Amino acid sequence: LPLLAQAATAEPGHAGIQRLLDQTRSEARKVEIESLNNAALDHFLKNNYGKAKKAVEKALALDPGNKKAKDLLKILGPLG
């Protein structure tokens, strides 16, 4: 990702580089959200509800419409 950002800076008008950079950022964001959801589930299974809730809140900050994170937050509401 940093190299693509450098390339986009070096060639600001290059549509292909910008498209690839945007796509890579989007995919990285999806992976981060999924990772946060998985971490929340892991914390939940270990009865660490506070950490689970923080991970879910971070996922929702990145994607407020994320169904998995919303469902986890509903479960965690009374627990953490």
PDB file of N, CA and C in Angstrom:
ATOM      1  N   LEU A   1       0.814  -1.199   0.000  1.00  0.00           N
ATOM      2  CA  LEU A   1       0.000   0.000   0.000  1.00  0.00           C
ATOM      3  C   LEU A   1       0.859   1.267   0.000  1.00  0.00           C
ATOM      4  N   PRO A   2       1.902   1.329   0.829  1.00  0.00           N
ATOM      5  CA  PRO A   2       2.732   2.543   0.792  1.00  0.00           C
ATOM      6  C   PRO A   2       3.397   2.777  -0.572  1.00  0.00           C
ATOM      7  N   LEU A   3       3.799   1.698  -1.229  1.00  0.00           N
ATOM      8  CA  LEU A   3       4.423   1.862  -2.548  1.00  0.00           C
ATOM      9  C   LEU A   3       3.416   2.360  -3.576  1.00  0.00           C
ATOM     10  N   LEU A   4       2.200   1.886  -3.507  1.00  0.00           N
ATOM     11  CA  LEU A   4       1.158   2.388  -4.411  1.00  0.00           C
ATOM     12  C   LEU A   4       0.876   3.857  -4.149  1.00  0.00           C
ATOM     13  N   ALA A   5       0.872   4.242  -2.891  1.00  0.00           N
ATOM     14  CA  ALA A   5       0.650   5.651  -2.554  1.00  0.00           C
ATOM     15  C   ALA A   5       1.776   6.517  -3.113  1.00  0.00           C
ATOM     16  N   GLN A   6       3.006   6.018  -3.032  1.00  0.00           N
ATOM     17  CA  GLN A   6       4.143   6.743  -3.603  1.00  0.00           C
ATOM     18  C   GLN A   6       3.990   6.863  -5.112  1.00  0.00           C
ATOM     19  N   ALA A   7       3.594   5.773  -5.743  1.00  0.00           N
ATOM     20  CA  ALA A   7       3.421   5.795  -7.199  1.00  0.00           C
ATOM     21  C   ALA A   7       2.320   6.775  -7.594  1.00  0.00           C
ATOM     22  N   ALA A   8       1.235   6.823  -6.831  1.00  0.00           N
ATOM     23  CA  ALA A   8       0.150   7.755  -7.123  1.00  0.00           C
ATOM     24  C   ALA A   8       0.612   9.200  -6.958  1.00  0.00           C
ATOM     25  N   THR A   9       1.496   9.438  -6.003  1.00  0.00           N
ATOM     26  CA  THR A   9       2.043  10.783  -5.800  1.00  0.00           C
ATOM     27  C   THR A   9       2.977  11.158  -6.940  1.00  0.00           C
ATOM     28  N   ALA A  10       3.759  10.194  -7.387  1.00  0.00           N
ATOM     29  CA  ALA A  10       4.704  10.452  -8.479  1.00  0.00           C
ATOM     30  C   ALA A  10       3.989  10.654  -9.815  1.00  0.00           C
ATOM     31  N   GLU A  11       2.890   9.941 -10.004  1.00  0.00           N
ATOM     32  CA  GLU A  11       2.099  10.035 -11.246  1.00  0.00           C
ATOM     33  C   GLU A  11       0.646  10.346 -10.898  1.00  0.00           C
ATOM     34  N   PRO A  12       0.361  11.583 -10.464  1.00  0.00           N
ATOM     35  CA  PRO A  12      -0.993  11.899  -9.979  1.00  0.00           C
ATOM     36  C   PRO A  12      -2.104  11.744 -11.025  1.00  0.00           C
ATOM     37  N   GLY A  13      -1.796  11.817 -12.267  1.00  0.00           N
ATOM     38  CA  GLY A  13      -2.823  11.713 -13.299  1.00  0.00           C
ATOM     39  C   GLY A  13      -3.016  10.307 -13.840  1.00  0.00           C
ATOM     40  N   HIS A  14      -2.284   9.359 -13.318  1.00  0.00           N
ATOM     41  CA  HIS A  14      -2.338   7.990 -13.833  1.00  0.00           C
ATOM     42  C   HIS A  14      -3.559   7.270 -13.261  1.00  0.00           C
ATOM     43  N   ALA A  15      -4.561   7.062 -14.109  1.00  0.00           N
ATOM     44  CA  ALA A  15      -5.825   6.474 -13.664  1.00  0.00           C
ATOM     45  C   ALA A  15      -5.652   5.041 -13.168  1.00  0.00           C
ATOM     46  N   GLY A  16      -4.786   4.278 -13.810  1.00  0.00           N
ATOM     47  CA  GLY A  16      -4.577   2.887 -13.422  1.00  0.00           C
ATOM     48  C   GLY A  16      -3.990   2.760 -12.027  1.00  0.00           C
ATOM     49  N   ILE A  17      -3.017   3.587 -11.720  1.00  0.00           N
ATOM     50  CA  ILE A  17      -2.392   3.555 -10.389  1.00  0.00           C
ATOM     51  C   ILE A  17      -3.414   3.978  -9.335  1.00  0.00           C
ATOM     52  N   GLN A  18      -4.162   5.019  -9.632  1.00  0.00           N
ATOM     53  CA  GLN A  18      -5.155   5.503  -8.663  1.00  0.00           C
ATOM     54  C   GLN A  18      -6.239   4.451  -8.430  1.00  0.00           C
ATOM     55  N   ARG A  19      -6.678   3.800  -9.486  1.00  0.00           N
ATOM     56  CA  ARG A  19      -7.696   2.752  -9.361  1.00  0.00           C
ATOM     57  C   ARG A  19      -7.179   1.605  -8.513  1.00  0.00           C
ATOM     58  N   LEU A  20      -5.953   1.191  -8.768  1.00  0.00           N
ATOM     59  CA  LEU A  20      -5.337   0.110  -8.004  1.00  0.00           C
ATOM     60  C   LEU A  20      -5.147   0.503  -6.536  1.00  0.00           C
ATOM     61  N   LEU A  21      -4.748   1.738  -6.300  1.00  0.00           N
ATOM     62  CA  LEU A  21      -4.586   2.232  -4.932  1.00  0.00           C
ATOM     63  C   LEU A  21      -5.930   2.230  -4.200  1.00  0.00           C
ATOM     64  N   ASP A  22      -6.965   2.727  -4.853  1.00  0.00           N
ATOM     65  CA  ASP A  22      -8.296   2.752  -4.237  1.00  0.00           C
ATOM     66  C   ASP A  22      -8.793   1.338  -3.936  1.00  0.00           C
ATOM     67  N   GLN A  23      -8.595   0.432  -4.856  1.00  0.00           N
ATOM     68  CA  GLN A  23      -9.026  -0.950  -4.673  1.00  0.00           C
ATOM     69  C   GLN A  23      -8.260  -1.610  -3.525  1.00  0.00           C
ATOM     70  N   THR A  24      -6.962  -1.368  -3.465  1.00  0.00           N
ATOM     71  CA  THR A  24      -6.135  -1.948  -2.403  1.00  0.00           C
ATOM     72  C   THR A  24      -6.534  -1.396  -1.044  1.00  0.00           C
ATOM     73  N   ARG A  25      -6.805  -0.113  -0.959  1.00  0.00           N
ATOM     74  CA  ARG A  25      -7.259   0.485   0.298  1.00  0.00           C
ATOM     75  C   ARG A  25      -8.589  -0.128   0.741  1.00  0.00           C
ATOM     76  N   SER A  26      -9.487  -0.300  -0.213  1.00  0.00           N
ATOM     77  CA  SER A  26     -10.787  -0.889   0.093  1.00  0.00           C
ATOM     78  C   SER A  26     -10.646  -2.312   0.620  1.00  0.00           C
ATOM     79  N   GLU A  27      -9.813  -3.100  -0.035  1.00  0.00           N
ATOM     80  CA  GLU A  27      -9.597  -4.485   0.403  1.00  0.00           C
ATOM     81  C   GLU A  27      -8.923  -4.537   1.773  1.00  0.00           C
ATOM     82  N   ALA A  28      -7.974  -3.645   2.014  1.00  0.00           N
ATOM     83  CA  ALA A  28      -7.293  -3.603   3.304  1.00  0.00           C
ATOM     84  C   ALA A  28      -8.277  -3.242   4.412  1.00  0.00           C
ATOM     85  N   ARG A  29      -9.188  -2.352   4.110  1.00  0.00           N
ATOM     86  CA  ARG A  29     -10.212  -1.944   5.083  1.00  0.00           C
ATOM     87  C   ARG A  29     -11.125  -3.119   5.422  1.00  0.00           C
ATOM     88  N   LYS A  30     -11.537  -3.868   4.405  1.00  0.00           N
ATOM     89  CA  LYS A  30     -12.386  -5.048   4.627  1.00  0.00           C
ATOM     90  C   LYS A  30     -11.669  -6.075   5.500  1.00  0.00           C
ATOM     91  N   VAL A  31     -10.404  -6.289   5.229  1.00  0.00           N
ATOM     92  CA  VAL A  31      -9.617  -7.256   6.012  1.00  0.00           C
ATOM     93  C   VAL A  31      -9.495  -6.777   7.453  1.00  0.00           C
ATOM     94  N   GLU A  32      -9.279  -5.484   7.652  1.00  0.00           N
ATOM     95  CA  GLU A  32      -9.158  -4.949   9.005  1.00  0.00           C
ATOM     96  C   GLU A  32     -10.466  -5.113   9.781  1.00  0.00           C
ATOM     97  N   ILE A  33     -11.583  -4.848   9.126  1.00  0.00           N
ATOM     98  CA  ILE A  33     -12.890  -5.001   9.779  1.00  0.00           C
ATOM     99  C   ILE A  33     -13.129  -6.455  10.162  1.00  0.00           C
ATOM    100  N   GLU A  34     -12.827  -7.370   9.256  1.00  0.00           N
ATOM    101  CA  GLU A  34     -12.998  -8.796   9.545  1.00  0.00           C
ATOM    102  C   GLU A  34     -12.085  -9.228  10.694  1.00  0.00           C
ATOM    103  N   SER A  35     -10.881  -8.710  10.715  1.00  0.00           N
ATOM    104  CA  SER A  35      -9.943  -9.020  11.791  1.00  0.00           C
ATOM    105  C   SER A  35     -10.470  -8.519  13.140  1.00  0.00           C
ATOM    106  N   LEU A  36     -11.032  -7.329  13.150  1.00  0.00           N
ATOM    107  CA  LEU A  36     -11.607  -6.780  14.378  1.00  0.00           C
ATOM    108  C   LEU A  36     -12.800  -7.613  14.847  1.00  0.00           C
ATOM    109  N   ASN A  37     -13.635  -8.038  13.914  1.00  0.00           N
ATOM    110  CA  ASN A  37     -14.771  -8.889  14.269  1.00  0.00           C
ATOM    111  C   ASN A  37     -14.293 -10.222  14.846  1.00  0.00           C
ATOM    112  N   ASN A  38     -13.267 -10.793  14.237  1.00  0.00           N
ATOM    113  CA  ASN A  38     -12.721 -12.058  14.742  1.00  0.00           C
ATOM    114  C   ASN A  38     -12.105 -11.880  16.130  1.00  0.00           C
ATOM    115  N   ALA A  39     -11.420 -10.769  16.325  1.00  0.00           N
ATOM    116  CA  ALA A  39     -10.838 -10.489  17.647  1.00  0.00           C
ATOM    117  C   ALA A  39     -11.946 -10.330  18.688  1.00  0.00           C
ATOM    118  N   ALA A  40     -13.033  -9.667  18.306  1.00  0.00           N
ATOM    119  CA  ALA A  40     -14.161  -9.497  19.224  1.00  0.00           C
ATOM    120  C   ALA A  40     -14.743 -10.850  19.613  1.00  0.00           C
ATOM    121  N   LEU A  41     -14.907 -11.729  18.650  1.00  0.00           N
ATOM    122  CA  LEU A  41     -15.424 -13.068  18.945  1.00  0.00           C
ATOM    123  C   LEU A  41     -14.482 -13.834  19.870  1.00  0.00           C
ATOM    124  N   ASP A  42     -13.206 -13.710  19.612  1.00  0.00           N
ATOM    125  CA  ASP A  42     -12.215 -14.387  20.443  1.00  0.00           C
ATOM    126  C   ASP A  42     -12.282 -13.874  21.884  1.00  0.00           C
ATOM    127  N   HIS A  43     -12.354 -12.567  22.052  1.00  0.00           N
ATOM    128  CA  HIS A  43     -12.462 -11.982  23.392  1.00  0.00           C
ATOM    129  C   HIS A  43     -13.773 -12.406  24.065  1.00  0.00           C
ATOM    130  N   PHE A  44     -14.833 -12.455  23.279  1.00  0.00           N
ATOM    131  CA  PHE A  44     -16.131 -12.871  23.810  1.00  0.00           C
ATOM    132  C   PHE A  44     -16.056 -14.298  24.356  1.00  0.00           C
ATOM    133  N   LEU A  45     -15.445 -15.183  23.599  1.00  0.00           N
ATOM    134  CA  LEU A  45     -15.320 -16.577  24.031  1.00  0.00           C
ATOM    135  C   LEU A  45     -14.464 -16.723  25.283  1.00  0.00           C
ATOM    136  N   LYS A  46     -13.582 -15.766  25.492  1.00  0.00           N
ATOM    137  CA  LYS A  46     -12.730 -15.782  26.688  1.00  0.00           C
ATOM    138  C   LYS A  46     -13.349 -14.964  27.826  1.00  0.00           C
ATOM    139  N   ASN A  47     -14.620 -14.583  27.665  1.00  0.00           N
ATOM    140  CA  ASN A  47     -15.361 -13.802  28.664  1.00  0.00           C
ATOM    141  C   ASN A  47     -14.728 -12.445  28.949  1.00  0.00           C
ATOM    142  N   ASN A  48     -14.014 -11.907  27.978  1.00  0.00           N
ATOM    143  CA  ASN A  48     -13.423 -10.582  28.114  1.00  0.00           C
ATOM    144  C   ASN A  48     -14.294  -9.612  27.314  1.00  0.00           C
ATOM    145  N   TYR A  49     -15.446  -9.285  27.901  1.00  0.00           N
ATOM    146  CA  TYR A  49     -16.463  -8.532  27.172  1.00  0.00           C
ATOM    147  C   TYR A  49     -16.056  -7.091  26.874  1.00  0.00           C
ATOM    148  N   GLY A  50     -15.272  -6.489  27.739  1.00  0.00           N
ATOM    149  CA  GLY A  50     -14.820  -5.119  27.504  1.00  0.00           C
ATOM    150  C   GLY A  50     -13.957  -5.012  26.260  1.00  0.00           C
ATOM    151  N   LYS A  51     -13.004  -5.918  26.116  1.00  0.00           N
ATOM    152  CA  LYS A  51     -12.140  -5.907  24.933  1.00  0.00           C
ATOM    153  C   LYS A  51     -12.941  -6.263  23.683  1.00  0.00           C
ATOM    154  N   ALA A  52     -13.884  -7.178  23.837  1.00  0.00           N
ATOM    155  CA  ALA A  52     -14.730  -7.551  22.691  1.00  0.00           C
ATOM    156  C   ALA A  52     -15.518  -6.343  22.203  1.00  0.00           C
ATOM    157  N   LYS A  53     -16.070  -5.607  23.140  1.00  0.00           N
ATOM    158  CA  LYS A  53     -16.863  -4.432  22.771  1.00  0.00           C
ATOM    159  C   LYS A  53     -16.003  -3.369  22.091  1.00  0.00           C
ATOM    160  N   LYS A  54     -14.779  -3.169  22.580  1.00  0.00           N
ATOM    161  CA  LYS A  54     -13.879  -2.189  21.956  1.00  0.00           C
ATOM    162  C   LYS A  54     -13.557  -2.580  20.519  1.00  0.00           C
ATOM    163  N   ALA A  55     -13.314  -3.870  20.279  1.00  0.00           N
ATOM    164  CA  ALA A  55     -13.012  -4.331  18.920  1.00  0.00           C
ATOM    165  C   ALA A  55     -14.214  -4.123  18.004  1.00  0.00           C
ATOM    166  N   VAL A  56     -15.405  -4.412  18.510  1.00  0.00           N
ATOM    167  CA  VAL A  56     -16.627  -4.215  17.719  1.00  0.00           C
ATOM    168  C   VAL A  56     -16.827  -2.738  17.409  1.00  0.00           C
ATOM    169  N   GLU A  57     -16.597  -1.895  18.384  1.00  0.00           N
ATOM    170  CA  GLU A  57     -16.759  -0.450  18.169  1.00  0.00           C
ATOM    171  C   GLU A  57     -15.779   0.068  17.122  1.00  0.00           C
ATOM    172  N   LYS A  58     -14.557  -0.461  17.123  1.00  0.00           N
ATOM    173  CA  LYS A  58     -13.582  -0.066  16.100  1.00  0.00           C
ATOM    174  C   LYS A  58     -14.049  -0.518  14.715  1.00  0.00           C
ATOM    175  N   ALA A  59     -14.587  -1.739  14.642  1.00  0.00           N
ATOM    176  CA  ALA A  59     -15.092  -2.240  13.359  1.00  0.00           C
ATOM    177  C   ALA A  59     -16.243  -1.363  12.866  1.00  0.00           C
ATOM    178  N   LEU A  60     -17.127  -0.977  13.768  1.00  0.00           N
ATOM    179  CA  LEU A  60     -18.258  -0.129  13.380  1.00  0.00           C
ATOM    180  C   LEU A  60     -17.819   1.288  13.018  1.00  0.00           C
ATOM    181  N   ALA A  61     -16.727   1.749  13.597  1.00  0.00           N
ATOM    182  CA  ALA A  61     -16.202   3.070  13.222  1.00  0.00           C
ATOM    183  C   ALA A  61     -15.720   3.044  11.768  1.00  0.00           C
ATOM    184  N   LEU A  62     -15.176   1.902  11.341  1.00  0.00           N
ATOM    185  CA  LEU A  62     -14.711   1.771   9.964  1.00  0.00           C
ATOM    186  C   LEU A  62     -15.861   1.505   8.991  1.00  0.00           C
ATOM    187  N   ASP A  63     -16.868   0.760   9.476  1.00  0.00           N
ATOM    188  CA  ASP A  63     -18.011   0.411   8.635  1.00  0.00           C
ATOM    189  C   ASP A  63     -19.272   0.367   9.500  1.00  0.00           C
ATOM    190  N   PRO A  64     -19.953   1.508   9.623  1.00  0.00           N
ATOM    191  CA  PRO A  64     -21.130   1.572  10.493  1.00  0.00           C
ATOM    192  C   PRO A  64     -22.255   0.606  10.101  1.00  0.00           C
ATOM    193  N   GLY A  65     -22.253   0.132   8.886  1.00  0.00           N
ATOM    194  CA  GLY A  65     -23.304  -0.783   8.436  1.00  0.00           C
ATOM    195  C   GLY A  65     -22.928  -2.252   8.526  1.00  0.00           C
ATOM    196  N   ASN A  66     -21.797  -2.560   9.121  1.00  0.00           N
ATOM    197  CA  ASN A  66     -21.326  -3.945   9.179  1.00  0.00           C
ATOM    198  C   ASN A  66     -22.264  -4.784  10.040  1.00  0.00           C
ATOM    199  N   LYS A  67     -22.935  -5.748   9.397  1.00  0.00           N
ATOM    200  CA  LYS A  67     -23.948  -6.554  10.070  1.00  0.00           C
ATOM    201  C   LYS A  67     -23.361  -7.408  11.190  1.00  0.00           C
ATOM    202  N   LYS A  68     -22.232  -8.022  10.934  1.00  0.00           N
ATOM    203  CA  LYS A  68     -21.628  -8.886  11.952  1.00  0.00           C
ATOM    204  C   LYS A  68     -21.283  -8.080  13.203  1.00  0.00           C
ATOM    205  N   ALA A  69     -20.698  -6.909  13.016  1.00  0.00           N
ATOM    206  CA  ALA A  69     -20.336  -6.064  14.158  1.00  0.00           C
ATOM    207  C   ALA A  69     -21.581  -5.578  14.898  1.00  0.00           C
ATOM    208  N   LYS A  70     -22.624  -5.227  14.153  1.00  0.00           N
ATOM    209  CA  LYS A  70     -23.873  -4.791  14.785  1.00  0.00           C
ATOM    210  C   LYS A  70     -24.467  -5.908  15.633  1.00  0.00           C
ATOM    211  N   ASP A  71     -24.477  -7.117  15.080  1.00  0.00           N
ATOM    212  CA  ASP A  71     -25.020  -8.265  15.817  1.00  0.00           C
ATOM    213  C   ASP A  71     -24.200  -8.539  17.078  1.00  0.00           C
ATOM    214  N   LEU A  72     -22.887  -8.451  16.953  1.00  0.00           N
ATOM    215  CA  LEU A  72     -22.027  -8.659  18.125  1.00  0.00           C
ATOM    216  C   LEU A  72     -22.278  -7.597  19.191  1.00  0.00           C
ATOM    217  N   LEU A  73     -22.485  -6.366  18.752  1.00  0.00           N
ATOM    218  CA  LEU A  73     -22.716  -5.290  19.704  1.00  0.00           C
ATOM    219  C   LEU A  73     -24.031  -5.516  20.460  1.00  0.00           C
ATOM    220  N   LYS A  74     -25.049  -6.025  19.765  1.00  0.00           N
ATOM    221  CA  LYS A  74     -26.321  -6.336  20.425  1.00  0.00           C
ATOM    222  C   LYS A  74     -26.128  -7.384  21.522  1.00  0.00           C
ATOM    223  N   ILE A  75     -25.326  -8.387  21.214  1.00  0.00           N
ATOM    224  CA  ILE A  75     -25.057  -9.449  22.187  1.00  0.00           C
ATOM    225  C   ILE A  75     -24.256  -8.907  23.364  1.00  0.00           C
ATOM    226  N   LEU A  76     -23.283  -8.060  23.053  1.00  0.00           N
ATOM    227  CA  LEU A  76     -22.399  -7.528  24.090  1.00  0.00           C
ATOM    228  C   LEU A  76     -23.039  -6.444  24.938  1.00  0.00           C
ATOM    229  N   GLY A  77     -24.073  -5.806  24.416  1.00  0.00           N
ATOM    230  CA  GLY A  77     -24.711  -4.702  25.121  1.00  0.00           C
ATOM    231  C   GLY A  77     -24.923  -4.946  26.608  1.00  0.00           C
ATOM    232  N   PRO A  78     -25.663  -5.978  26.979  1.00  0.00           N
ATOM    233  CA  PRO A  78     -25.900  -6.209  28.407  1.00  0.00           C
ATOM    234  C   PRO A  78     -24.683  -6.811  29.138  1.00  0.00           C
ATOM    235  N   LEU A  79     -23.702  -7.313  28.385  1.00  0.00           N
ATOM    236  CA  LEU A  79     -22.568  -7.985  29.023  1.00  0.00           C
ATOM    237  C   LEU A  79     -21.397  -7.055  29.301  1.00  0.00           C
ATOM    238  N   GLY A  80     -21.120  -6.153  28.372  1.00  0.00           N
ATOM    239  CA  GLY A  80     -19.915  -5.365  28.512  1.00  0.00           C
ATOM    240  C   GLY A  80     -20.189  -3.934  28.485  1.00  0.00           C
TER     241      GLY A  80
END
